[in-house]
Amino acid sequence: MITINGKVLEYVEGYEPYVRNTKEQYYRNPLTGKLYLEKLPGQPVQFHIFEVVVDDDTYEWLKGLYIAQKNGSTVKLQTEKTNGEVECVFTPDEFRLKRVVGEVPYWEGTIVLEEVQTK
């Protein structure tokens, strides 16, 4: 069972969590002004990929959450593979749902959430 902000996503065709390290970053030496590549590996980041099928109401709700994160809001995700609720944000440009027209129109596609690193 997968819930986002307490609402259950009923038709999840695929779910895969994965961990990826952030990219190494450049930093500027304050004395010389030269750029150097950070030699330390990046921090691990947990991603959650969903293949979903949703109705119009759920699509509008998810789209509202995606747009609201531009103001700094996060979503709470809970799955069998997470330890309780985790705070996440939608990965930019990874909210890809397309409309399928048939007897009952619906939306299908992929959503990627990235866990927020809490200290």
N, C-alpha and C. Protein backbone atom coordinates (compact mmCIF):
# COMPACT_ATOMS: atom_id res chain seq x y z
N MET A 1 0.84 -1.17 0.00
CA MET A 1 0.00 0.00 0.00
C MET A 1 0.89 1.25 0.00
N ILE A 2 0.61 2.16 -0.90
CA ILE A 2 1.39 3.38 -1.04
C ILE A 2 0.48 4.57 -0.76
N THR A 3 0.91 5.41 0.19
CA THR A 3 0.12 6.60 0.50
C THR A 3 0.98 7.85 0.34
N ILE A 4 0.35 8.89 -0.19
CA ILE A 4 0.99 10.20 -0.30
C ILE A 4 0.08 11.18 0.43
N ASN A 5 0.63 11.81 1.46
CA ASN A 5 -0.14 12.74 2.32
C ASN A 5 -1.41 12.09 2.84
N GLY A 6 -1.35 10.81 3.17
CA GLY A 6 -2.49 10.12 3.74
C GLY A 6 -3.48 9.56 2.74
N LYS A 7 -3.33 9.87 1.45
CA LYS A 7 -4.24 9.36 0.42
C LYS A 7 -3.60 8.15 -0.25
N VAL A 8 -4.38 7.07 -0.35
CA VAL A 8 -3.87 5.82 -0.91
C VAL A 8 -3.89 5.89 -2.43
N LEU A 9 -2.76 5.54 -3.06
CA LEU A 9 -2.73 5.37 -4.51
C LEU A 9 -3.10 3.92 -4.79
N GLU A 10 -4.24 3.71 -5.42
CA GLU A 10 -4.78 2.36 -5.55
C GLU A 10 -4.19 1.57 -6.70
N TYR A 11 -3.91 2.21 -7.82
CA TYR A 11 -3.45 1.47 -9.00
C TYR A 11 -2.00 1.82 -9.30
N VAL A 12 -1.10 1.22 -8.55
CA VAL A 12 0.33 1.40 -8.78
C VAL A 12 0.82 0.15 -9.49
N GLU A 13 1.21 0.31 -10.77
CA GLU A 13 1.64 -0.83 -11.57
C GLU A 13 3.08 -1.23 -11.28
N GLY A 14 3.89 -0.28 -10.88
CA GLY A 14 5.28 -0.58 -10.57
C GLY A 14 5.80 0.40 -9.54
N TYR A 15 6.63 -0.10 -8.64
CA TYR A 15 7.24 0.76 -7.62
C TYR A 15 8.65 0.26 -7.40
N GLU A 16 9.60 1.19 -7.46
CA GLU A 16 10.99 0.80 -7.24
C GLU A 16 11.72 1.91 -6.51
N PRO A 17 12.19 1.63 -5.29
CA PRO A 17 13.05 2.61 -4.62
C PRO A 17 14.50 2.37 -5.04
N TYR A 18 15.29 3.42 -5.16
CA TYR A 18 16.70 3.24 -5.43
C TYR A 18 17.50 4.38 -4.82
N VAL A 19 18.77 4.10 -4.57
CA VAL A 19 19.67 5.07 -3.95
C VAL A 19 20.71 5.48 -4.99
N ARG A 20 20.96 6.77 -5.07
CA ARG A 20 21.98 7.29 -5.98
C ARG A 20 22.77 8.35 -5.23
N ASN A 21 24.05 8.39 -5.46
CA ASN A 21 24.88 9.42 -4.84
C ASN A 21 24.75 10.72 -5.63
N THR A 22 24.81 11.83 -4.90
CA THR A 22 24.80 13.12 -5.58
C THR A 22 26.10 13.28 -6.35
N LYS A 23 26.10 14.16 -7.29
CA LYS A 23 27.29 14.39 -8.11
C LYS A 23 28.35 15.11 -7.28
N GLU A 24 29.61 14.85 -7.65
CA GLU A 24 30.68 15.60 -7.01
C GLU A 24 30.56 17.05 -7.45
N GLN A 25 30.93 17.95 -6.57
CA GLN A 25 30.75 19.36 -6.86
C GLN A 25 32.09 20.08 -6.91
N TYR A 26 32.10 21.18 -7.64
CA TYR A 26 33.28 22.03 -7.69
C TYR A 26 33.23 23.03 -6.54
N TYR A 27 34.39 23.37 -6.05
CA TYR A 27 34.46 24.43 -5.04
C TYR A 27 35.61 25.36 -5.42
N ARG A 28 35.52 26.59 -5.01
CA ARG A 28 36.53 27.59 -5.36
C ARG A 28 37.45 27.81 -4.16
N ASN A 29 38.75 27.73 -4.41
CA ASN A 29 39.74 28.02 -3.39
C ASN A 29 39.70 29.53 -3.13
N PRO A 30 39.42 29.94 -1.88
CA PRO A 30 39.28 31.37 -1.61
C PRO A 30 40.58 32.16 -1.78
N LEU A 31 41.74 31.50 -1.66
CA LEU A 31 43.01 32.22 -1.79
C LEU A 31 43.43 32.40 -3.24
N THR A 32 43.31 31.33 -4.04
CA THR A 32 43.79 31.40 -5.43
C THR A 32 42.68 31.69 -6.42
N GLY A 33 41.45 31.41 -6.05
CA GLY A 33 40.33 31.63 -6.96
C GLY A 33 40.13 30.51 -7.96
N LYS A 34 40.94 29.44 -7.88
CA LYS A 34 40.81 28.33 -8.82
C LYS A 34 39.69 27.39 -8.39
N LEU A 35 39.08 26.75 -9.40
CA LEU A 35 38.03 25.76 -9.13
C LEU A 35 38.66 24.38 -8.99
N TYR A 36 38.20 23.62 -8.01
CA TYR A 36 38.67 22.26 -7.80
C TYR A 36 37.47 21.34 -7.69
N LEU A 37 37.64 20.11 -8.18
CA LEU A 37 36.58 19.12 -8.07
C LEU A 37 36.67 18.46 -6.70
N GLU A 38 35.55 18.38 -6.04
CA GLU A 38 35.47 17.75 -4.73
C GLU A 38 35.82 16.27 -4.89
N LYS A 39 36.75 15.77 -4.13
CA LYS A 39 37.17 14.38 -4.25
C LYS A 39 36.31 13.42 -3.43
N LEU A 40 35.54 13.96 -2.52
CA LEU A 40 34.68 13.11 -1.70
C LEU A 40 33.46 12.70 -2.50
N PRO A 41 32.99 11.46 -2.32
CA PRO A 41 31.76 11.07 -3.02
C PRO A 41 30.58 11.86 -2.49
N GLY A 42 29.57 12.00 -3.31
CA GLY A 42 28.38 12.74 -2.90
C GLY A 42 27.59 12.00 -1.85
N GLN A 43 26.59 12.66 -1.33
CA GLN A 43 25.71 12.06 -0.33
C GLN A 43 24.71 11.13 -1.00
N PRO A 44 24.37 10.01 -0.37
CA PRO A 44 23.35 9.13 -0.96
C PRO A 44 21.96 9.76 -0.85
N VAL A 45 21.19 9.65 -1.92
CA VAL A 45 19.83 10.19 -1.97
C VAL A 45 18.89 9.06 -2.35
N GLN A 46 17.80 8.93 -1.63
CA GLN A 46 16.79 7.88 -1.88
C GLN A 46 15.73 8.41 -2.83
N PHE A 47 15.49 7.70 -3.92
CA PHE A 47 14.44 8.04 -4.88
C PHE A 47 13.37 6.96 -4.86
N HIS A 48 12.14 7.33 -5.22
CA HIS A 48 11.03 6.39 -5.32
C HIS A 48 10.37 6.60 -6.68
N ILE A 49 10.34 5.55 -7.51
CA ILE A 49 9.75 5.63 -8.84
C ILE A 49 8.44 4.87 -8.83
N PHE A 50 7.37 5.52 -9.32
CA PHE A 50 6.05 4.90 -9.37
C PHE A 50 5.52 4.91 -10.80
N GLU A 51 4.94 3.81 -11.23
CA GLU A 51 4.15 3.78 -12.45
C GLU A 51 2.71 3.67 -11.98
N VAL A 52 1.91 4.71 -12.26
CA VAL A 52 0.57 4.78 -11.70
C VAL A 52 -0.48 4.94 -12.79
N VAL A 53 -1.70 4.56 -12.41
CA VAL A 53 -2.90 4.81 -13.20
C VAL A 53 -3.87 5.50 -12.25
N VAL A 54 -4.29 6.73 -12.60
CA VAL A 54 -5.15 7.50 -11.71
C VAL A 54 -6.33 8.10 -12.48
N ASP A 55 -7.37 8.43 -11.73
CA ASP A 55 -8.53 9.10 -12.33
C ASP A 55 -8.29 10.61 -12.37
N ASP A 56 -9.26 11.35 -12.91
CA ASP A 56 -9.11 12.80 -13.06
C ASP A 56 -8.93 13.51 -11.72
N ASP A 57 -9.69 13.10 -10.71
CA ASP A 57 -9.61 13.77 -9.41
C ASP A 57 -8.23 13.57 -8.77
N THR A 58 -7.73 12.33 -8.81
CA THR A 58 -6.42 12.05 -8.23
C THR A 58 -5.33 12.76 -9.01
N TYR A 59 -5.47 12.83 -10.34
CA TYR A 59 -4.49 13.55 -11.16
C TYR A 59 -4.43 15.03 -10.76
N GLU A 60 -5.58 15.66 -10.62
CA GLU A 60 -5.61 17.07 -10.24
C GLU A 60 -5.01 17.28 -8.86
N TRP A 61 -5.26 16.34 -7.95
CA TRP A 61 -4.70 16.42 -6.59
C TRP A 61 -3.18 16.31 -6.64
N LEU A 62 -2.65 15.31 -7.39
CA LEU A 62 -1.20 15.14 -7.51
C LEU A 62 -0.57 16.35 -8.20
N LYS A 63 -1.21 16.85 -9.22
CA LYS A 63 -0.70 18.03 -9.93
C LYS A 63 -0.64 19.23 -8.99
N GLY A 64 -1.64 19.37 -8.13
CA GLY A 64 -1.63 20.44 -7.14
C GLY A 64 -0.46 20.32 -6.17
N LEU A 65 -0.14 19.09 -5.76
CA LEU A 65 1.02 18.87 -4.88
C LEU A 65 2.32 19.22 -5.60
N TYR A 66 2.40 18.84 -6.88
CA TYR A 66 3.60 19.12 -7.68
C TYR A 66 3.81 20.62 -7.82
N ILE A 67 2.74 21.35 -8.08
CA ILE A 67 2.84 22.81 -8.24
C ILE A 67 3.13 23.48 -6.90
N ALA A 68 2.55 22.96 -5.81
CA ALA A 68 2.73 23.56 -4.48
C ALA A 68 4.16 23.46 -3.98
N GLN A 69 4.93 22.50 -4.48
CA GLN A 69 6.30 22.37 -3.97
C GLN A 69 7.18 23.53 -4.42
N LYS A 70 6.75 24.29 -5.42
CA LYS A 70 7.51 25.48 -5.81
C LYS A 70 7.52 26.51 -4.68
N ASN A 71 6.56 26.41 -3.78
CA ASN A 71 6.50 27.29 -2.61
C ASN A 71 7.18 26.67 -1.40
N GLY A 72 7.87 25.55 -1.60
CA GLY A 72 8.63 24.93 -0.52
C GLY A 72 7.92 23.82 0.21
N SER A 73 6.74 23.42 -0.22
CA SER A 73 6.03 22.36 0.50
C SER A 73 6.55 20.99 0.08
N THR A 74 6.43 20.03 0.97
CA THR A 74 6.85 18.66 0.71
C THR A 74 5.64 17.74 0.84
N VAL A 75 5.83 16.48 0.44
CA VAL A 75 4.77 15.49 0.60
C VAL A 75 5.28 14.41 1.54
N LYS A 76 4.35 13.73 2.19
CA LYS A 76 4.70 12.63 3.08
C LYS A 76 4.36 11.32 2.38
N LEU A 77 5.35 10.47 2.23
CA LEU A 77 5.21 9.20 1.52
C LEU A 77 5.34 8.05 2.50
N GLN A 78 4.49 7.06 2.36
CA GLN A 78 4.59 5.85 3.18
C GLN A 78 4.36 4.64 2.28
N THR A 79 5.32 3.71 2.31
CA THR A 79 5.21 2.46 1.55
C THR A 79 5.67 1.32 2.44
N GLU A 80 5.59 0.11 1.89
CA GLU A 80 6.09 -1.05 2.64
C GLU A 80 7.61 -1.00 2.77
N LYS A 81 8.28 -0.30 1.86
CA LYS A 81 9.74 -0.29 1.83
C LYS A 81 10.36 0.92 2.53
N THR A 82 9.53 1.79 3.11
CA THR A 82 10.06 2.92 3.88
C THR A 82 9.81 2.66 5.35
N ASN A 83 10.63 3.26 6.18
CA ASN A 83 10.45 3.14 7.63
C ASN A 83 9.49 4.23 8.08
N GLY A 84 8.21 3.95 8.00
CA GLY A 84 7.22 4.96 8.37
C GLY A 84 7.07 6.00 7.27
N GLU A 85 6.62 7.19 7.66
CA GLU A 85 6.46 8.28 6.70
C GLU A 85 7.79 8.98 6.47
N VAL A 86 8.07 9.28 5.21
CA VAL A 86 9.26 10.05 4.87
C VAL A 86 8.83 11.29 4.09
N GLU A 87 9.57 12.38 4.27
CA GLU A 87 9.27 13.61 3.53
C GLU A 87 9.96 13.55 2.18
N CYS A 88 9.21 13.91 1.14
CA CYS A 88 9.73 13.86 -0.22
C CYS A 88 9.32 15.09 -1.00
N VAL A 89 10.01 15.29 -2.12
CA VAL A 89 9.62 16.29 -3.11
C VAL A 89 9.57 15.59 -4.46
N PHE A 90 8.77 16.13 -5.37
CA PHE A 90 8.74 15.61 -6.72
C PHE A 90 10.04 16.00 -7.42
N THR A 91 10.67 15.04 -8.09
CA THR A 91 11.87 15.34 -8.86
C THR A 91 11.47 16.23 -10.04
N PRO A 92 12.17 17.32 -10.29
CA PRO A 92 11.79 18.21 -11.39
C PRO A 92 11.69 17.47 -12.72
N ASP A 93 10.66 17.75 -13.45
CA ASP A 93 10.39 17.17 -14.78
C ASP A 93 10.17 15.67 -14.75
N GLU A 94 9.87 15.10 -13.59
CA GLU A 94 9.60 13.66 -13.51
C GLU A 94 8.17 13.40 -13.06
N PHE A 95 7.28 14.30 -13.36
CA PHE A 95 5.84 14.11 -13.14
C PHE A 95 5.25 13.94 -14.53
N ARG A 96 5.28 12.70 -15.02
CA ARG A 96 4.93 12.44 -16.42
C ARG A 96 3.69 11.56 -16.51
N LEU A 97 2.55 12.20 -16.55
CA LEU A 97 1.29 11.46 -16.70
C LEU A 97 0.62 11.91 -17.99
N LYS A 98 0.13 10.95 -18.76
CA LYS A 98 -0.58 11.30 -19.99
C LYS A 98 -2.00 10.77 -19.93
N ARG A 99 -2.88 11.46 -20.59
CA ARG A 99 -4.30 11.11 -20.59
C ARG A 99 -4.56 10.01 -21.60
N VAL A 100 -5.31 9.00 -21.16
CA VAL A 100 -5.73 7.90 -22.03
C VAL A 100 -7.25 7.98 -22.15
N VAL A 101 -7.72 8.12 -23.38
CA VAL A 101 -9.16 8.27 -23.62
C VAL A 101 -9.72 6.91 -24.00
N GLY A 102 -10.80 6.53 -23.35
CA GLY A 102 -11.48 5.28 -23.62
C GLY A 102 -12.88 5.36 -23.05
N GLU A 103 -13.44 4.20 -22.70
CA GLU A 103 -14.76 4.21 -22.06
C GLU A 103 -14.72 5.02 -20.78
N VAL A 104 -13.68 4.77 -20.01
CA VAL A 104 -13.45 5.55 -18.79
C VAL A 104 -12.09 6.22 -18.95
N PRO A 105 -12.04 7.54 -19.14
CA PRO A 105 -10.75 8.21 -19.31
C PRO A 105 -9.94 8.17 -18.01
N TYR A 106 -8.64 8.04 -18.15
CA TYR A 106 -7.75 7.99 -16.99
C TYR A 106 -6.40 8.55 -17.38
N TRP A 107 -5.53 8.68 -16.40
CA TRP A 107 -4.16 9.17 -16.58
C TRP A 107 -3.21 8.06 -16.19
N GLU A 108 -2.14 7.88 -16.97
CA GLU A 108 -1.12 6.89 -16.61
C GLU A 108 0.26 7.48 -16.88
N GLY A 109 1.23 7.00 -16.12
CA GLY A 109 2.58 7.49 -16.32
C GLY A 109 3.47 7.25 -15.12
N THR A 110 4.53 8.03 -15.05
CA THR A 110 5.57 7.84 -14.05
C THR A 110 5.71 9.08 -13.17
N ILE A 111 5.89 8.83 -11.88
CA ILE A 111 6.17 9.88 -10.90
C ILE A 111 7.44 9.48 -10.16
N VAL A 112 8.35 10.43 -9.97
CA VAL A 112 9.57 10.17 -9.21
C VAL A 112 9.60 11.13 -8.02
N LEU A 113 9.74 10.56 -6.83
CA LEU A 113 9.86 11.35 -5.61
C LEU A 113 11.27 11.20 -5.05
N GLU A 114 11.81 12.28 -4.50
CA GLU A 114 13.13 12.28 -3.90
C GLU A 114 12.99 12.58 -2.42
N GLU A 115 13.58 11.73 -1.58
CA GLU A 115 13.49 11.96 -0.14
C GLU A 115 14.27 13.21 0.25
N VAL A 116 13.69 13.98 1.16
CA VAL A 116 14.33 15.18 1.66
C VAL A 116 15.29 14.76 2.75
N GLN A 117 16.50 15.26 2.68
CA GLN A 117 17.51 14.93 3.68
C GLN A 117 17.27 15.76 4.92
N THR A 118 16.97 15.09 6.03
CA THR A 118 16.78 15.79 7.30
C THR A 118 18.00 15.59 8.16
N LYS A 119 18.35 16.62 8.89
CA LYS A 119 19.55 16.54 9.74
C LYS A 119 19.16 16.36 11.18
